[in-house]
Amino acid sequence: MLPRAMFFTKGVGKHPEYLQSYELALRDAKIEKCNLVMVSSIVPPNCKIIKRDVGMKFIKPGQITYCVMSKNSTNETNRLISASVGMAIPKETEVYGYLSEHYSFGENAKKAGDYAEDLAATMLATTLGLDFDPGKAWDERKNEYKLSGRLVKSFNITQSARGGTKGFWTTVLAAAVFIENHID
C-alpha cells in the first residue's frame, strides 16, 4: 500500500469512563467508524493533502485505516492537555516528508503545535543528512523552513483541552489519516 492522499483531523471527548472519552474524541474527529492502524511517520512522495470532508468520502465503516496519531488523556480537573501531529514536506513533491506526534501536559495548542512542526522538520532534515536548527531555519514571512537550501512546508494539527470536573476523563487526539484510493 502506498497512500496517494492524506487528511488531518482532531477531536476531544469527555466522559466518566476513559475508553468512552477516547471514543468520543474519535467521533469528534469523524474517524470513529475506522479500524485504525497506527503507523510511523513518513509522508510518501507525491501524497496529496486533502480536506477532511473529501477524505471521508473514501473511508467506509469498518475499513482498515492507516494513520499517524497523537493522543493524550487526563482525569485531573482543569489539567491542560494537548495532542499534536506536525508535518514537514519538501516542496519537491517527489521527495518524502515526515510526520511527528507530540503530546503534552500544560502546553497550549500553539506551543504544542509549534513543537510538533519543529520535530517533524528536524527528523526530515536529519534523515536527509542535512544540518538543521529550527530556530534559524524558520522563515516567518513565508511560513516555511529552509533546510540547506531546500524549502520545506510545515503544518500541524493540534487539539488541546482542560480536564473535566468530577473525575471525568478528557481525551484529545490529532491524526494524519492516509487514503490509498484517492482519485485525482
N, C-alpha and C. Protein backbone atom coordinates (compact mmCIF):
# COMPACT_ATOMS: atom_id res chain seq x y z
N MET A 1 0.84 -1.19 0.00
CA MET A 1 0.00 0.00 0.00
C MET A 1 0.88 1.24 0.00
N LEU A 2 0.60 2.15 -0.89
CA LEU A 2 1.26 3.44 -0.91
C LEU A 2 0.17 4.52 -0.97
N PRO A 3 -0.04 5.21 0.14
CA PRO A 3 -1.11 6.22 0.17
C PRO A 3 -0.90 7.29 -0.89
N ARG A 4 -1.98 7.66 -1.53
CA ARG A 4 -1.95 8.71 -2.54
C ARG A 4 -2.42 10.04 -1.99
N ALA A 5 -3.08 10.01 -0.82
CA ALA A 5 -3.59 11.24 -0.21
C ALA A 5 -3.65 11.06 1.30
N MET A 6 -3.77 12.18 1.98
CA MET A 6 -3.93 12.17 3.43
C MET A 6 -4.71 13.40 3.85
N PHE A 7 -5.38 13.25 5.01
CA PHE A 7 -6.05 14.42 5.59
C PHE A 7 -5.76 14.46 7.08
N PHE A 8 -5.99 15.62 7.65
CA PHE A 8 -5.74 15.84 9.07
C PHE A 8 -7.06 16.03 9.78
N THR A 9 -7.11 15.56 11.02
CA THR A 9 -8.31 15.70 11.83
C THR A 9 -7.92 15.76 13.30
N LYS A 10 -8.85 16.22 14.11
CA LYS A 10 -8.61 16.31 15.55
C LYS A 10 -9.94 16.19 16.28
N GLY A 11 -9.86 15.86 17.57
CA GLY A 11 -11.08 15.74 18.35
C GLY A 11 -10.82 15.76 19.84
N VAL A 12 -11.90 15.96 20.58
CA VAL A 12 -11.85 15.94 22.04
C VAL A 12 -13.10 15.22 22.54
N GLY A 13 -12.94 14.44 23.60
CA GLY A 13 -14.07 13.75 24.21
C GLY A 13 -13.97 13.78 25.73
N LYS A 14 -15.12 13.88 26.39
CA LYS A 14 -15.17 13.89 27.86
C LYS A 14 -16.25 12.92 28.31
N HIS A 15 -15.89 12.09 29.30
CA HIS A 15 -16.83 11.07 29.80
C HIS A 15 -16.29 10.52 31.12
N PRO A 16 -17.16 9.96 31.98
CA PRO A 16 -16.67 9.36 33.22
C PRO A 16 -15.73 8.17 32.99
N GLU A 17 -15.88 7.49 31.87
CA GLU A 17 -15.03 6.34 31.55
C GLU A 17 -13.95 6.74 30.55
N TYR A 18 -12.71 6.28 30.80
CA TYR A 18 -11.58 6.60 29.93
C TYR A 18 -11.84 6.18 28.48
N LEU A 19 -12.22 4.90 28.27
CA LEU A 19 -12.41 4.40 26.91
C LEU A 19 -13.50 5.16 26.17
N GLN A 20 -14.57 5.51 26.87
CA GLN A 20 -15.64 6.27 26.22
C GLN A 20 -15.18 7.68 25.86
N SER A 21 -14.30 8.27 26.67
CA SER A 21 -13.79 9.61 26.31
C SER A 21 -12.95 9.52 25.03
N TYR A 22 -12.21 8.44 24.87
CA TYR A 22 -11.44 8.22 23.64
C TYR A 22 -12.39 8.04 22.45
N GLU A 23 -13.43 7.24 22.63
CA GLU A 23 -14.43 7.04 21.57
C GLU A 23 -15.06 8.36 21.17
N LEU A 24 -15.39 9.20 22.14
CA LEU A 24 -15.99 10.50 21.83
C LEU A 24 -15.02 11.42 21.10
N ALA A 25 -13.73 11.33 21.43
CA ALA A 25 -12.72 12.11 20.70
C ALA A 25 -12.63 11.62 19.26
N LEU A 26 -12.68 10.31 19.06
CA LEU A 26 -12.69 9.75 17.69
C LEU A 26 -13.92 10.23 16.92
N ARG A 27 -15.07 10.26 17.60
CA ARG A 27 -16.30 10.75 16.95
C ARG A 27 -16.16 12.22 16.56
N ASP A 28 -15.61 13.00 17.45
CA ASP A 28 -15.42 14.43 17.18
C ASP A 28 -14.50 14.61 15.97
N ALA A 29 -13.53 13.73 15.84
CA ALA A 29 -12.59 13.77 14.70
C ALA A 29 -13.17 13.13 13.45
N LYS A 30 -14.33 12.48 13.58
CA LYS A 30 -15.05 11.84 12.46
C LYS A 30 -14.38 10.56 11.96
N ILE A 31 -13.57 9.90 12.80
CA ILE A 31 -12.89 8.66 12.36
C ILE A 31 -13.24 7.48 13.26
N GLU A 32 -14.36 7.57 13.98
CA GLU A 32 -14.74 6.50 14.91
C GLU A 32 -15.16 5.22 14.22
N LYS A 33 -15.54 5.27 12.97
CA LYS A 33 -16.01 4.07 12.27
C LYS A 33 -14.87 3.31 11.59
N CYS A 34 -13.65 3.80 11.75
CA CYS A 34 -12.49 3.18 11.11
C CYS A 34 -11.84 2.18 12.08
N ASN A 35 -11.24 1.15 11.52
CA ASN A 35 -10.34 0.29 12.27
C ASN A 35 -8.95 0.88 12.08
N LEU A 36 -8.54 1.68 13.05
CA LEU A 36 -7.32 2.46 12.92
C LEU A 36 -6.08 1.63 13.19
N VAL A 37 -5.10 1.79 12.32
CA VAL A 37 -3.80 1.16 12.49
C VAL A 37 -2.79 2.29 12.54
N MET A 38 -2.09 2.40 13.67
CA MET A 38 -1.09 3.46 13.82
C MET A 38 0.18 3.04 13.09
N VAL A 39 0.69 3.97 12.30
CA VAL A 39 1.93 3.74 11.57
C VAL A 39 2.92 4.82 11.95
N SER A 40 4.15 4.64 11.52
CA SER A 40 5.17 5.64 11.83
C SER A 40 5.02 6.84 10.91
N SER A 41 6.06 7.51 10.60
CA SER A 41 5.94 8.93 10.29
C SER A 41 6.36 9.40 8.90
N ILE A 42 6.28 8.59 7.89
CA ILE A 42 6.70 9.02 6.56
C ILE A 42 5.50 9.44 5.70
N VAL A 43 5.60 10.62 5.11
CA VAL A 43 4.62 11.06 4.11
C VAL A 43 5.18 10.62 2.77
N PRO A 44 4.47 9.74 2.05
CA PRO A 44 5.01 9.25 0.78
C PRO A 44 5.20 10.37 -0.24
N PRO A 45 6.15 10.20 -1.16
CA PRO A 45 6.30 11.18 -2.23
C PRO A 45 4.98 11.31 -2.99
N ASN A 46 4.71 12.50 -3.47
CA ASN A 46 3.52 12.80 -4.28
C ASN A 46 2.20 12.53 -3.57
N CYS A 47 2.20 12.47 -2.25
CA CYS A 47 0.97 12.26 -1.48
C CYS A 47 0.26 13.61 -1.34
N LYS A 48 -0.97 13.67 -1.82
CA LYS A 48 -1.75 14.91 -1.77
C LYS A 48 -2.34 15.11 -0.38
N ILE A 49 -2.36 16.34 0.05
CA ILE A 49 -3.04 16.69 1.30
C ILE A 49 -4.41 17.22 0.90
N ILE A 50 -5.45 16.54 1.42
CA ILE A 50 -6.82 16.90 1.06
C ILE A 50 -7.59 17.29 2.31
N LYS A 51 -8.72 17.91 2.13
CA LYS A 51 -9.57 18.30 3.26
C LYS A 51 -10.22 17.05 3.87
N ARG A 52 -10.51 17.14 5.15
CA ARG A 52 -11.11 16.00 5.86
C ARG A 52 -12.41 15.55 5.19
N ASP A 53 -13.27 16.48 4.83
CA ASP A 53 -14.56 16.11 4.23
C ASP A 53 -14.36 15.33 2.92
N VAL A 54 -13.36 15.69 2.15
CA VAL A 54 -13.06 14.97 0.91
C VAL A 54 -12.53 13.58 1.25
N GLY A 55 -11.60 13.50 2.19
CA GLY A 55 -11.02 12.22 2.58
C GLY A 55 -12.03 11.25 3.13
N MET A 56 -13.01 11.76 3.86
CA MET A 56 -14.02 10.89 4.47
C MET A 56 -14.85 10.16 3.41
N LYS A 57 -14.93 10.69 2.22
CA LYS A 57 -15.68 10.03 1.15
C LYS A 57 -15.03 8.72 0.71
N PHE A 58 -13.76 8.54 1.04
CA PHE A 58 -13.02 7.35 0.62
C PHE A 58 -12.89 6.31 1.73
N ILE A 59 -13.52 6.57 2.86
CA ILE A 59 -13.44 5.66 4.00
C ILE A 59 -14.82 5.06 4.26
N LYS A 60 -14.85 3.75 4.38
CA LYS A 60 -16.09 3.01 4.65
C LYS A 60 -16.07 2.49 6.09
N PRO A 61 -17.23 2.36 6.73
CA PRO A 61 -17.26 1.83 8.10
C PRO A 61 -16.58 0.45 8.17
N GLY A 62 -15.72 0.30 9.15
CA GLY A 62 -15.02 -0.97 9.35
C GLY A 62 -13.73 -1.10 8.56
N GLN A 63 -13.45 -0.15 7.70
CA GLN A 63 -12.25 -0.22 6.86
C GLN A 63 -10.99 -0.12 7.72
N ILE A 64 -9.96 -0.89 7.36
CA ILE A 64 -8.65 -0.74 7.97
C ILE A 64 -8.10 0.59 7.46
N THR A 65 -7.77 1.48 8.37
CA THR A 65 -7.37 2.84 8.01
C THR A 65 -6.06 3.16 8.73
N TYR A 66 -5.06 3.51 7.94
CA TYR A 66 -3.74 3.81 8.50
C TYR A 66 -3.66 5.29 8.86
N CYS A 67 -3.03 5.55 10.00
CA CYS A 67 -2.89 6.94 10.43
C CYS A 67 -1.67 7.11 11.33
N VAL A 68 -1.24 8.34 11.45
CA VAL A 68 -0.28 8.75 12.47
C VAL A 68 -1.10 9.54 13.47
N MET A 69 -1.12 9.09 14.71
CA MET A 69 -1.99 9.72 15.71
C MET A 69 -1.22 10.05 16.98
N SER A 70 -1.59 11.17 17.55
CA SER A 70 -1.13 11.56 18.87
C SER A 70 -2.38 11.69 19.74
N LYS A 71 -2.32 11.16 20.96
CA LYS A 71 -3.46 11.34 21.86
C LYS A 71 -2.96 11.50 23.28
N ASN A 72 -3.81 12.11 24.08
CA ASN A 72 -3.48 12.33 25.48
C ASN A 72 -4.78 12.35 26.27
N SER A 73 -4.71 11.93 27.51
CA SER A 73 -5.89 11.87 28.37
C SER A 73 -5.54 12.28 29.79
N THR A 74 -6.56 12.79 30.49
CA THR A 74 -6.42 13.10 31.90
C THR A 74 -7.79 12.98 32.57
N ASN A 75 -7.77 12.67 33.86
CA ASN A 75 -8.99 12.76 34.65
C ASN A 75 -8.78 13.75 35.80
N GLU A 76 -7.77 14.60 35.66
CA GLU A 76 -7.50 15.65 36.65
C GLU A 76 -8.25 16.93 36.25
N THR A 77 -9.07 17.41 37.15
CA THR A 77 -9.86 18.61 36.89
C THR A 77 -8.97 19.76 36.44
N ASN A 78 -9.33 20.35 35.32
CA ASN A 78 -8.71 21.56 34.78
C ASN A 78 -7.28 21.38 34.28
N ARG A 79 -6.73 20.17 34.24
CA ARG A 79 -5.37 19.97 33.73
C ARG A 79 -5.37 20.16 32.21
N LEU A 80 -4.47 21.00 31.72
CA LEU A 80 -4.36 21.28 30.29
C LEU A 80 -3.58 20.16 29.61
N ILE A 81 -4.19 19.59 28.56
CA ILE A 81 -3.53 18.54 27.78
C ILE A 81 -3.59 18.92 26.30
N SER A 82 -2.62 18.42 25.56
CA SER A 82 -2.56 18.67 24.12
C SER A 82 -2.09 17.43 23.40
N ALA A 83 -2.54 17.28 22.16
CA ALA A 83 -2.05 16.25 21.24
C ALA A 83 -1.87 16.91 19.89
N SER A 84 -0.73 16.65 19.25
CA SER A 84 -0.40 17.33 18.00
C SER A 84 0.30 16.40 17.04
N VAL A 85 0.01 16.57 15.77
CA VAL A 85 0.76 15.92 14.69
C VAL A 85 1.35 17.04 13.85
N GLY A 86 2.66 17.04 13.70
CA GLY A 86 3.35 18.02 12.88
C GLY A 86 3.79 17.38 11.57
N MET A 87 3.91 18.18 10.54
CA MET A 87 4.32 17.67 9.23
C MET A 87 5.37 18.60 8.64
N ALA A 88 6.34 18.01 7.96
CA ALA A 88 7.32 18.76 7.17
C ALA A 88 7.49 18.02 5.86
N ILE A 89 7.23 18.72 4.75
CA ILE A 89 7.38 18.10 3.43
C ILE A 89 8.16 19.04 2.52
N PRO A 90 9.13 18.49 1.78
CA PRO A 90 9.87 19.33 0.83
C PRO A 90 8.94 19.83 -0.28
N LYS A 91 9.25 20.98 -0.82
CA LYS A 91 8.44 21.50 -1.93
C LYS A 91 8.58 20.62 -3.17
N GLU A 92 9.68 19.87 -3.27
CA GLU A 92 9.82 18.90 -4.37
C GLU A 92 8.93 17.72 -4.02
N THR A 93 7.85 17.54 -4.75
CA THR A 93 6.85 16.53 -4.39
C THR A 93 7.33 15.10 -4.55
N GLU A 94 8.41 14.89 -5.27
CA GLU A 94 8.91 13.52 -5.45
C GLU A 94 9.76 13.04 -4.27
N VAL A 95 9.94 13.89 -3.28
CA VAL A 95 10.71 13.54 -2.08
C VAL A 95 9.72 13.33 -0.92
N TYR A 96 10.00 12.34 -0.09
CA TYR A 96 9.11 12.05 1.02
C TYR A 96 9.22 13.11 2.11
N GLY A 97 8.21 13.16 2.96
CA GLY A 97 8.19 14.08 4.08
C GLY A 97 8.09 13.33 5.40
N TYR A 98 7.92 14.07 6.46
CA TYR A 98 7.88 13.48 7.81
C TYR A 98 6.69 13.99 8.59
N LEU A 99 6.15 13.11 9.43
CA LEU A 99 5.13 13.46 10.41
C LEU A 99 5.70 13.18 11.80
N SER A 100 5.30 13.97 12.76
CA SER A 100 5.72 13.73 14.15
C SER A 100 4.51 13.78 15.06
N GLU A 101 4.54 12.99 16.11
CA GLU A 101 3.49 13.02 17.12
C GLU A 101 4.06 13.64 18.39
N HIS A 102 3.28 14.50 18.98
CA HIS A 102 3.69 15.12 20.24
C HIS A 102 2.46 15.25 21.13
N TYR A 103 2.59 14.86 22.37
CA TYR A 103 1.53 15.09 23.34
C TYR A 103 2.16 15.69 24.57
N SER A 104 1.38 16.52 25.27
CA SER A 104 1.96 17.23 26.41
C SER A 104 0.92 17.58 27.44
N PHE A 105 1.43 17.91 28.61
CA PHE A 105 0.64 18.42 29.72
C PHE A 105 1.09 19.85 29.97
N GLY A 106 0.14 20.77 30.12
CA GLY A 106 0.46 22.15 30.47
C GLY A 106 0.84 23.04 29.30
N GLU A 107 0.85 22.52 28.08
CA GLU A 107 1.16 23.33 26.90
C GLU A 107 -0.13 23.69 26.17
N ASN A 108 -0.23 24.95 25.73
CA ASN A 108 -1.39 25.32 24.92
C ASN A 108 -1.21 24.76 23.51
N ALA A 109 -2.24 24.89 22.68
CA ALA A 109 -2.22 24.32 21.33
C ALA A 109 -1.10 24.93 20.48
N LYS A 110 -0.88 26.22 20.58
CA LYS A 110 0.16 26.86 19.76
C LYS A 110 1.54 26.30 20.10
N LYS A 111 1.85 26.23 21.38
CA LYS A 111 3.17 25.74 21.79
C LYS A 111 3.35 24.27 21.39
N ALA A 112 2.35 23.45 21.63
CA ALA A 112 2.45 22.03 21.27
C ALA A 112 2.56 21.87 19.75
N GLY A 113 1.78 22.64 19.00
CA GLY A 113 1.82 22.56 17.54
C GLY A 113 3.15 23.00 16.96
N ASP A 114 3.68 24.10 17.48
CA ASP A 114 4.99 24.57 17.01
C ASP A 114 6.06 23.52 17.29
N TYR A 115 6.01 22.91 18.47
CA TYR A 115 6.98 21.88 18.81
C TYR A 115 6.88 20.69 17.84
N ALA A 116 5.64 20.26 17.55
CA ALA A 116 5.45 19.13 16.63
C ALA A 116 5.99 19.45 15.24
N GLU A 117 5.78 20.67 14.77
CA GLU A 117 6.31 21.08 13.46
C GLU A 117 7.83 21.07 13.47
N ASP A 118 8.44 21.66 14.51
CA ASP A 118 9.90 21.67 14.61
C ASP A 118 10.45 20.24 14.64
N LEU A 119 9.78 19.38 15.36
CA LEU A 119 10.21 17.99 15.47
C LEU A 119 10.16 17.31 14.10
N ALA A 120 9.08 17.51 13.35
CA ALA A 120 8.96 16.90 12.02
C ALA A 120 10.06 17.43 11.09
N ALA A 121 10.30 18.74 11.13
CA ALA A 121 11.34 19.33 10.27
C ALA A 121 12.72 18.82 10.66
N THR A 122 12.97 18.68 11.94
CA THR A 122 14.26 18.17 12.41
C THR A 122 14.46 16.73 11.96
N MET A 123 13.42 15.89 12.12
CA MET A 123 13.54 14.49 11.70
C MET A 123 13.75 14.39 10.19
N LEU A 124 13.05 15.21 9.42
CA LEU A 124 13.24 15.19 7.98
C LEU A 124 14.66 15.60 7.62
N ALA A 125 15.14 16.67 8.23
CA ALA A 125 16.49 17.15 7.93
C ALA A 125 17.55 16.10 8.25
N THR A 126 17.44 15.48 9.43
CA THR A 126 18.45 14.50 9.80
C THR A 126 18.37 13.24 8.94
N THR A 127 17.18 12.87 8.51
CA THR A 127 17.02 11.72 7.62
C THR A 127 17.66 12.00 6.26
N LEU A 128 17.56 13.25 5.81
CA LEU A 128 18.15 13.64 4.53
C LEU A 128 19.63 13.99 4.66
N GLY A 129 20.17 13.89 5.89
CA GLY A 129 21.58 14.18 6.11
C GLY A 129 21.92 15.66 6.11
N LEU A 130 20.96 16.51 6.47
CA LEU A 130 21.17 17.95 6.45
C LEU A 130 21.31 18.49 7.87
N ASP A 131 22.15 19.51 8.03
CA ASP A 131 22.23 20.21 9.31
C ASP A 131 21.01 21.11 9.44
N PHE A 132 20.50 21.20 10.65
CA PHE A 132 19.24 21.93 10.82
C PHE A 132 19.12 22.49 12.22
N ASP A 133 18.78 23.75 12.31
CA ASP A 133 18.43 24.41 13.56
C ASP A 133 17.09 25.07 13.34
N PRO A 134 16.00 24.53 13.93
CA PRO A 134 14.66 25.06 13.63
C PRO A 134 14.51 26.55 13.92
N GLY A 135 15.20 27.05 14.93
CA GLY A 135 15.09 28.46 15.25
C GLY A 135 15.67 29.37 14.18
N LYS A 136 16.73 28.90 13.51
CA LYS A 136 17.37 29.70 12.47
C LYS A 136 16.79 29.44 11.09
N ALA A 137 16.20 28.29 10.89
CA ALA A 137 15.73 27.90 9.55
C ALA A 137 14.32 28.39 9.25
N TRP A 138 13.57 28.81 10.24
CA TRP A 138 12.16 29.19 10.04
C TRP A 138 12.06 30.57 9.41
N ASP A 139 11.29 30.68 8.35
CA ASP A 139 11.01 31.95 7.69
C ASP A 139 9.57 32.33 8.02
N GLU A 140 9.39 33.20 8.99
CA GLU A 140 8.05 33.57 9.48
C GLU A 140 7.18 34.15 8.37
N ARG A 141 7.77 35.00 7.55
CA ARG A 141 7.01 35.65 6.49
C ARG A 141 6.50 34.65 5.45
N LYS A 142 7.32 33.69 5.09
CA LYS A 142 6.92 32.71 4.08
C LYS A 142 6.27 31.47 4.69
N ASN A 143 6.34 31.36 6.02
CA ASN A 143 5.74 30.22 6.72
C ASN A 143 6.32 28.89 6.24
N GLU A 144 7.66 28.83 6.14
CA GLU A 144 8.34 27.62 5.69
C GLU A 144 9.74 27.55 6.30
N TYR A 145 10.32 26.36 6.25
CA TYR A 145 11.69 26.14 6.71
C TYR A 145 12.61 26.12 5.50
N LYS A 146 13.88 26.44 5.74
CA LYS A 146 14.91 26.27 4.73
C LYS A 146 15.91 25.24 5.27
N LEU A 147 16.02 24.11 4.60
CA LEU A 147 16.95 23.06 5.00
C LEU A 147 18.06 22.99 3.98
N SER A 148 19.22 23.54 4.30
CA SER A 148 20.37 23.51 3.39
C SER A 148 19.96 23.88 1.96
N GLY A 149 19.23 24.98 1.83
CA GLY A 149 18.82 25.44 0.52
C GLY A 149 17.51 24.85 0.01
N ARG A 150 16.99 23.82 0.67
CA ARG A 150 15.71 23.23 0.25
C ARG A 150 14.59 23.88 1.05
N LEU A 151 13.50 24.18 0.36
CA LEU A 151 12.36 24.76 1.04
C LEU A 151 11.43 23.65 1.50
N VAL A 152 10.94 23.77 2.71
CA VAL A 152 10.09 22.75 3.31
C VAL A 152 8.84 23.43 3.86
N LYS A 153 7.69 22.91 3.48
CA LYS A 153 6.42 23.37 4.04
C LYS A 153 6.18 22.62 5.34
N SER A 154 5.58 23.29 6.29
CA SER A 154 5.25 22.61 7.53
C SER A 154 3.82 22.97 7.93
N PHE A 155 3.29 22.12 8.79
CA PHE A 155 1.90 22.26 9.20
C PHE A 155 1.74 21.46 10.48
N ASN A 156 0.77 21.83 11.28
CA ASN A 156 0.41 20.97 12.42
C ASN A 156 -1.09 21.01 12.62
N ILE A 157 -1.58 19.95 13.20
CA ILE A 157 -2.96 19.94 13.68
C ILE A 157 -2.87 19.58 15.16
N THR A 158 -3.50 20.38 15.97
CA THR A 158 -3.36 20.24 17.42
C THR A 158 -4.71 20.39 18.09
N GLN A 159 -4.95 19.53 19.06
CA GLN A 159 -6.15 19.64 19.89
C GLN A 159 -5.70 19.77 21.34
N SER A 160 -6.22 20.77 22.02
CA SER A 160 -5.95 20.89 23.46
C SER A 160 -7.28 21.05 24.18
N ALA A 161 -7.27 20.71 25.45
CA ALA A 161 -8.47 20.84 26.29
C ALA A 161 -8.04 20.78 27.74
N ARG A 162 -8.93 21.21 28.59
CA ARG A 162 -8.72 21.10 30.03
C ARG A 162 -9.51 19.93 30.56
N GLY A 163 -8.94 19.27 31.55
CA GLY A 163 -9.62 18.13 32.18
C GLY A 163 -10.96 18.54 32.74
N GLY A 164 -11.92 17.61 32.64
CA GLY A 164 -13.28 17.85 33.11
C GLY A 164 -13.38 17.83 34.63
N THR A 165 -14.58 18.07 35.10
CA THR A 165 -14.84 18.07 36.54
C THR A 165 -15.31 16.69 36.99
N LYS A 166 -15.38 16.49 38.28
CA LYS A 166 -15.90 15.27 38.89
C LYS A 166 -15.16 14.02 38.46
N GLY A 167 -13.88 14.14 38.14
CA GLY A 167 -13.11 12.97 37.75
C GLY A 167 -13.40 12.46 36.36
N PHE A 168 -14.16 13.20 35.56
CA PHE A 168 -14.42 12.80 34.17
C PHE A 168 -13.09 12.74 33.41
N TRP A 169 -12.98 11.79 32.52
CA TRP A 169 -11.83 11.68 31.64
C TRP A 169 -12.00 12.65 30.48
N THR A 170 -10.91 13.28 30.09
CA THR A 170 -10.84 14.11 28.89
C THR A 170 -9.75 13.51 28.01
N THR A 171 -10.08 13.27 26.75
CA THR A 171 -9.11 12.75 25.79
C THR A 171 -9.06 13.70 24.60
N VAL A 172 -7.84 14.02 24.18
CA VAL A 172 -7.63 14.82 22.97
C VAL A 172 -6.83 13.98 21.99
N LEU A 173 -7.09 14.20 20.70
CA LEU A 173 -6.30 13.49 19.69
C LEU A 173 -6.15 14.35 18.45
N ALA A 174 -5.08 14.08 17.74
CA ALA A 174 -4.82 14.68 16.43
C ALA A 174 -4.29 13.56 15.55
N ALA A 175 -4.68 13.57 14.27
CA ALA A 175 -4.28 12.48 13.40
C ALA A 175 -4.08 12.93 11.96
N ALA A 176 -3.14 12.28 11.31
CA ALA A 176 -2.97 12.36 9.85
C ALA A 176 -3.45 11.01 9.33
N VAL A 177 -4.48 11.03 8.51
CA VAL A 177 -5.13 9.81 8.03
C VAL A 177 -4.77 9.59 6.56
N PHE A 178 -4.25 8.40 6.27
CA PHE A 178 -3.83 8.07 4.90
C PHE A 178 -4.97 7.47 4.09
N ILE A 179 -5.03 7.85 2.83
CA ILE A 179 -6.03 7.35 1.90
C ILE A 179 -5.28 6.69 0.72
N GLU A 180 -5.59 5.44 0.47
CA GLU A 180 -4.91 4.71 -0.62
C GLU A 180 -5.57 4.99 -1.96
N ASN A 181 -6.86 5.06 -1.99
CA ASN A 181 -7.57 5.07 -3.27
C ASN A 181 -8.12 6.44 -3.67
N HIS A 182 -7.45 7.50 -3.30
CA HIS A 182 -7.90 8.85 -3.69
C HIS A 182 -7.77 9.01 -5.20
N ILE A 183 -8.83 9.48 -5.81
CA ILE A 183 -8.83 9.71 -7.25
C ILE A 183 -8.67 11.20 -7.48
N ASP A 184 -7.74 11.57 -8.35
CA ASP A 184 -7.47 13.00 -8.63
C ASP A 184 -8.65 13.69 -9.26
